[in-house]
Amino acid sequence: MPRPLSFFSRKKSTTLPFKDYHEDWFNTLKNTLLPLLHQSLSSRSPTLLPFRRDLLLQHFLSYYDFLDLAASNDVSQILFPSWRNSLEIPFLFLGDLHPYLFTNLLRSFTDAANNEENAEIDGFNDPAKGSLLEKLESLDKPWQVLSAWMNPSENLILRLEQIECGLRLMVPALVSRVKKVQGAFVGRVAEKWAACEGKKKALEEAVQVEMEEMLGVFVDANRLRRSVVIDIVNATDVYQGALFLEGLAQFLVGFKDPVLLGEFERCKIPISGGVH
């Protein structure tokens, strides 16, 4: 099935279609990089953890690089992703994950850990339940991993608040630009429709202009996503950064879970799609 507006692509593609690239990228994420990172997070020796964290980070960044490349060839295949499933669509913003998802994920780690911190400390300090050393030896992950989000540093919280503040400014600005482009498109078509004998030509010209302008908006949105991920990893220590990237990867893998997807599609409550 042809992509919506694919006949308005800027040039003929000589590279791998983004849908196929995404499938290969996702399989590498799920079957190789995520298990390797999980293995390091479960190991008593953290030797390979920084390397595997950086490997997963680079995998995400390469994805955004290819996303830019695919959009420069045909932005419609990104903005109107007919190949996305119904579970993914509500989380999309201009063709890919909403940047708020990254900061919300980080907040979920810090909030959950600190809500449980007192109960965990009380349990570990209860002599009737054994020594702290005995409990640590019985856990399947190192203590550094289990306690990574307890008492997050002031610098991390401050940086997170700065990132969130930036998003509150930049996301509405991107939405405003989309509305402006769409409004200009409608006005352009309406203006030329009655005057132009070749109505298809008028529509093609208007859509071509819109695609060029939407490419600029998309590139800025993608740059925002990339920078938020980098800023979060740079603000965290090696354990926190690895856990954040693991959580992000698990979130993406969950989109493809057939059981979860089936339950979602059987849901009778309509959920609006994201901003494409």
Protein backbone atom coordinates (compact mmCIF):
# COMPACT_ATOMS: atom_id res chain seq x y z
CA MET A 1 0.00 0.00 0.00
CA PRO A 2 1.54 3.36 -0.96
CA ARG A 3 2.30 5.85 1.79
CA PRO A 4 0.03 8.88 2.12
CA LEU A 5 1.37 11.70 -0.08
CA SER A 6 4.31 9.52 -1.15
CA PHE A 7 4.04 10.86 -4.70
CA PHE A 8 5.13 14.24 -3.30
CA SER A 9 8.46 12.91 -2.03
CA ARG A 10 11.34 15.24 -2.75
CA LYS A 11 13.33 12.62 -4.66
CA LYS A 12 13.34 8.95 -5.44
CA SER A 13 14.71 6.86 -2.60
CA THR A 14 17.87 4.85 -3.12
CA THR A 15 18.16 3.87 0.53
CA LEU A 16 16.43 1.37 2.77
CA PRO A 17 12.80 2.43 3.44
CA PHE A 18 12.43 3.65 7.00
CA LYS A 19 9.89 0.96 7.86
CA ASP A 20 12.44 -1.74 6.98
CA TYR A 21 15.24 0.10 8.76
CA HIS A 22 13.09 0.47 11.87
CA GLU A 23 12.37 -3.26 11.90
CA ASP A 24 16.09 -4.10 11.72
CA TRP A 25 16.92 -1.46 14.32
CA PHE A 26 14.22 -2.74 16.67
CA ASN A 27 15.37 -6.37 16.35
CA THR A 28 18.93 -5.35 17.26
CA LEU A 29 17.61 -3.41 20.23
CA LYS A 30 15.41 -6.24 21.50
CA ASN A 31 17.56 -9.28 20.75
CA THR A 32 21.10 -7.98 21.24
CA LEU A 33 21.64 -4.67 22.99
CA LEU A 34 18.91 -4.85 25.64
CA PRO A 35 19.91 -8.36 26.82
CA LEU A 36 23.57 -7.28 26.98
CA LEU A 37 22.74 -4.24 29.10
CA HIS A 38 20.46 -6.30 31.35
CA GLN A 39 23.26 -8.81 31.79
CA SER A 40 25.65 -6.07 32.91
CA LEU A 41 23.09 -4.60 35.30
CA SER A 42 22.66 -8.03 36.88
CA SER A 43 26.38 -8.70 37.16
CA ARG A 44 28.45 -8.14 40.30
CA SER A 45 31.21 -6.79 38.10
CA PRO A 46 30.39 -3.42 36.48
CA THR A 47 33.34 -3.55 34.07
CA LEU A 48 31.28 -3.71 30.87
CA LEU A 49 28.37 -1.55 32.06
CA PRO A 50 29.68 1.84 30.81
CA PHE A 51 30.50 0.35 27.41
CA ARG A 52 27.11 -1.33 27.02
CA ARG A 53 25.27 1.75 28.22
CA ASP A 54 27.09 3.83 25.60
CA LEU A 55 26.41 1.16 22.97
CA LEU A 56 22.67 1.43 23.59
CA LEU A 57 22.83 5.23 23.65
CA GLN A 58 24.58 5.25 20.28
CA HIS A 59 21.93 2.88 18.94
CA PHE A 60 19.23 5.41 19.84
CA LEU A 61 21.23 8.29 18.36
CA SER A 62 21.86 6.40 15.12
CA TYR A 63 18.10 5.88 14.91
CA TYR A 64 17.48 9.61 15.06
CA ASP A 65 20.21 10.23 12.47
CA PHE A 66 18.52 7.83 10.07
CA LEU A 67 15.14 9.36 10.90
CA ASP A 68 16.47 12.72 9.70
CA LEU A 69 17.83 11.10 6.55
CA ALA A 70 14.53 9.36 5.79
CA ALA A 71 12.59 12.56 6.36
CA SER A 72 14.86 14.56 4.06
CA ASN A 73 14.03 12.06 1.32
CA ASP A 74 10.28 11.81 2.04
CA VAL A 75 8.96 13.43 5.21
CA SER A 76 5.47 12.03 4.59
CA GLN A 77 6.63 8.50 5.44
CA ILE A 78 7.59 9.78 8.91
CA LEU A 79 4.75 12.20 9.59
CA PHE A 80 2.07 9.76 8.42
CA PRO A 81 3.45 6.40 9.65
CA SER A 82 0.79 3.95 8.50
CA TRP A 83 3.07 1.11 9.60
CA ARG A 84 2.87 2.09 13.28
CA ASN A 85 0.53 -0.05 15.39
CA SER A 86 -2.38 1.28 17.43
CA LEU A 87 -0.42 1.08 20.68
CA GLU A 88 2.37 3.31 19.39
CA ILE A 89 0.27 6.05 17.80
CA PRO A 90 -0.92 7.80 21.01
CA PHE A 91 2.71 8.32 22.04
CA LEU A 92 3.82 9.96 18.77
CA PHE A 93 4.66 13.61 18.35
CA LEU A 94 5.67 14.73 14.86
CA GLY A 95 6.51 11.24 13.68
CA ASP A 96 8.17 9.69 16.73
CA LEU A 97 8.09 9.49 20.53
CA HIS A 98 6.94 12.59 22.36
CA PRO A 99 9.92 14.13 24.20
CA TYR A 100 7.83 14.37 27.38
CA LEU A 101 8.02 10.59 27.53
CA PHE A 102 11.76 10.75 28.27
CA THR A 103 11.45 13.14 31.20
CA ASN A 104 8.36 11.34 32.54
CA LEU A 105 10.28 8.07 32.46
CA LEU A 106 13.12 9.61 34.46
CA ARG A 107 10.63 11.10 36.93
CA SER A 108 9.01 7.68 37.37
CA PHE A 109 12.35 6.23 38.45
CA THR A 110 13.19 8.95 40.97
CA ASP A 111 9.67 9.20 42.40
CA ALA A 112 9.13 5.44 42.76
CA ALA A 113 12.49 4.88 44.40
CA ASN A 114 12.05 7.64 46.95
CA ASN A 115 8.49 6.58 47.79
CA GLU A 116 9.79 3.14 48.69
CA GLU A 117 13.09 4.18 50.23
CA ASN A 118 11.98 4.37 53.86
CA ALA A 119 10.21 1.01 53.73
CA GLU A 120 13.25 -0.65 52.15
CA ILE A 121 15.63 0.84 54.72
CA ASP A 122 13.37 -0.27 57.58
CA GLY A 123 13.27 -3.78 56.17
CA PHE A 124 17.02 -4.01 55.75
CA ASN A 125 17.64 -2.68 59.25
CA ASP A 126 15.27 -5.16 60.94
CA PRO A 127 17.53 -7.62 62.83
CA ALA A 128 14.75 -10.22 62.90
CA LYS A 129 14.91 -10.42 59.09
CA GLY A 130 18.65 -11.07 58.86
CA SER A 131 21.70 -8.95 58.27
CA LEU A 132 22.08 -6.42 55.48
CA LEU A 133 24.89 -8.49 53.96
CA GLU A 134 22.68 -11.58 53.84
CA LYS A 135 19.94 -9.66 52.08
CA LEU A 136 22.31 -8.16 49.51
CA GLU A 137 23.73 -11.59 48.73
CA SER A 138 20.21 -12.89 48.09
CA LEU A 139 19.35 -10.21 45.54
CA ASP A 140 19.69 -10.82 41.79
CA LYS A 141 21.14 -7.36 41.13
CA PRO A 142 24.02 -5.41 42.70
CA TRP A 143 23.21 -2.97 45.46
CA GLN A 144 24.46 -0.09 43.27
CA VAL A 145 21.71 -0.89 40.77
CA LEU A 146 18.97 -1.37 43.37
CA SER A 147 19.84 1.90 45.11
CA ALA A 148 20.64 3.91 41.99
CA TRP A 149 17.64 6.22 42.33
CA MET A 150 17.64 6.61 46.10
CA ASN A 151 18.44 10.15 47.15
CA PRO A 152 19.17 11.47 43.65
CA SER A 153 21.70 14.27 43.60
CA GLU A 154 20.62 17.90 43.64
CA ASN A 155 22.41 18.36 40.32
CA LEU A 156 20.30 15.62 38.71
CA ILE A 157 17.02 17.05 40.01
CA LEU A 158 18.03 20.57 38.94
CA ARG A 159 19.01 19.37 35.46
CA LEU A 160 15.76 17.45 35.10
CA GLU A 161 13.78 20.57 36.03
CA GLN A 162 15.74 22.58 33.47
CA ILE A 163 15.02 20.02 30.74
CA GLU A 164 11.32 20.00 31.65
CA CYS A 165 11.24 23.80 31.60
CA GLY A 166 12.79 23.79 28.14
CA LEU A 167 10.22 21.29 26.88
CA ARG A 168 7.36 23.41 28.18
CA LEU A 169 8.65 26.20 25.96
CA MET A 170 9.70 24.26 22.87
CA VAL A 171 6.88 21.73 22.46
CA PRO A 172 4.09 24.37 22.24
CA ALA A 173 6.27 26.35 19.83
CA LEU A 174 6.56 23.31 17.54
CA VAL A 175 2.80 22.73 17.71
CA SER A 176 2.24 26.38 16.82
CA ARG A 177 4.50 26.02 13.79
CA VAL A 178 2.56 22.94 12.63
CA LYS A 179 -0.73 24.84 12.88
CA LYS A 180 0.77 27.75 10.95
CA VAL A 181 1.99 25.46 8.15
CA GLN A 182 -1.37 23.69 7.93
CA GLY A 183 -3.27 26.99 7.91
CA ALA A 184 -1.08 28.33 5.12
CA PHE A 185 -1.60 25.11 3.15
CA VAL A 186 -5.40 25.39 3.34
CA GLY A 187 -5.27 29.05 2.36
CA ARG A 188 -2.93 28.32 -0.55
CA VAL A 189 -5.18 25.59 -1.93
CA ALA A 190 -8.33 27.67 -1.52
CA GLU A 191 -6.72 30.64 -3.27
CA LYS A 192 -5.55 28.68 -6.29
CA TRP A 193 -8.40 26.19 -6.59
CA ALA A 194 -10.89 28.44 -8.37
CA ALA A 195 -8.33 30.31 -10.47
CA CYS A 196 -6.26 27.36 -11.71
CA GLU A 197 -7.49 25.12 -14.48
CA GLY A 198 -5.17 22.30 -13.43
CA LYS A 199 -6.51 21.67 -9.96
CA LYS A 200 -4.26 18.66 -9.42
CA LYS A 201 -1.25 20.79 -10.22
CA ALA A 202 -2.39 23.42 -7.71
CA LEU A 203 -2.80 20.76 -5.04
CA GLU A 204 0.60 19.23 -5.82
CA GLU A 205 2.32 22.58 -5.58
CA ALA A 206 0.62 23.40 -2.28
CA VAL A 207 1.43 20.02 -0.77
CA GLN A 208 5.05 20.25 -1.95
CA VAL A 209 5.45 23.58 -0.17
CA GLU A 210 3.82 22.15 2.96
CA MET A 211 6.13 19.11 2.95
CA GLU A 212 9.18 21.37 2.69
CA GLU A 213 8.00 23.45 5.63
CA MET A 214 7.00 20.40 7.69
CA LEU A 215 10.45 18.93 7.11
CA GLY A 216 11.93 21.90 8.95
CA VAL A 217 9.52 21.44 11.85
CA PHE A 218 10.19 17.71 11.99
CA VAL A 219 13.98 18.15 11.99
CA ASP A 220 13.69 20.53 14.95
CA ALA A 221 11.40 18.10 16.81
CA ASN A 222 13.83 15.28 16.17
CA ARG A 223 16.74 17.42 17.34
CA LEU A 224 14.77 18.07 20.53
CA ARG A 225 14.22 14.35 21.14
CA ARG A 226 17.89 13.61 20.58
CA SER A 227 19.08 16.39 22.88
CA VAL A 228 16.74 15.36 25.71
CA VAL A 229 18.02 11.78 25.66
CA ILE A 230 21.65 12.97 25.62
CA ASP A 231 21.04 15.51 28.39
CA ILE A 232 19.43 12.90 30.63
CA VAL A 233 22.26 10.40 30.17
CA ASN A 234 24.87 13.11 30.76
CA ALA A 235 23.09 14.18 33.96
CA THR A 236 23.00 10.67 35.43
CA ASP A 237 25.71 8.37 36.71
CA VAL A 238 26.57 5.14 34.94
CA TYR A 239 23.97 3.05 36.81
CA GLN A 240 21.17 5.62 36.47
CA GLY A 241 21.94 6.19 32.80
CA ALA A 242 21.94 2.45 32.10
CA LEU A 243 18.64 1.97 33.93
CA PHE A 244 17.06 4.89 32.08
CA LEU A 245 18.08 3.51 28.68
CA GLU A 246 16.99 0.02 29.71
CA GLY A 247 13.59 1.40 30.70
CA LEU A 248 13.26 3.30 27.43
CA ALA A 249 14.17 0.20 25.44
CA GLN A 250 11.72 -1.95 27.40
CA PHE A 251 9.02 0.65 26.72
CA LEU A 252 9.61 0.33 22.98
CA VAL A 253 9.67 -3.46 23.15
CA GLY A 254 6.34 -3.35 24.98
CA PHE A 255 4.74 -1.70 21.94
CA LYS A 256 5.27 -4.94 20.03
CA ASP A 257 3.98 -7.26 22.74
CA PRO A 258 1.16 -9.21 21.04
CA VAL A 259 -0.76 -9.80 24.28
CA LEU A 260 -0.64 -6.13 25.32
CA LEU A 261 -1.43 -4.99 21.79
CA GLY A 262 -4.38 -7.37 21.58
CA GLU A 263 -5.81 -6.13 24.89
CA PHE A 264 -5.35 -2.54 23.75
CA GLU A 265 -7.14 -3.11 20.45
CA ARG A 266 -10.05 -4.78 22.26
CA CYS A 267 -10.46 -1.73 24.46
CA LYS A 268 -13.77 0.01 23.75
CA ILE A 269 -12.64 3.44 24.95
CA PRO A 270 -11.30 5.51 22.01
CA ILE A 271 -7.88 7.07 22.50
CA SER A 272 -6.88 9.99 20.31
CA GLY A 273 -3.72 9.74 18.28
CA GLY A 274 -0.60 11.81 18.79
CA VAL A 275 0.43 14.92 16.86
CA HIS A 276 1.84 13.72 13.56
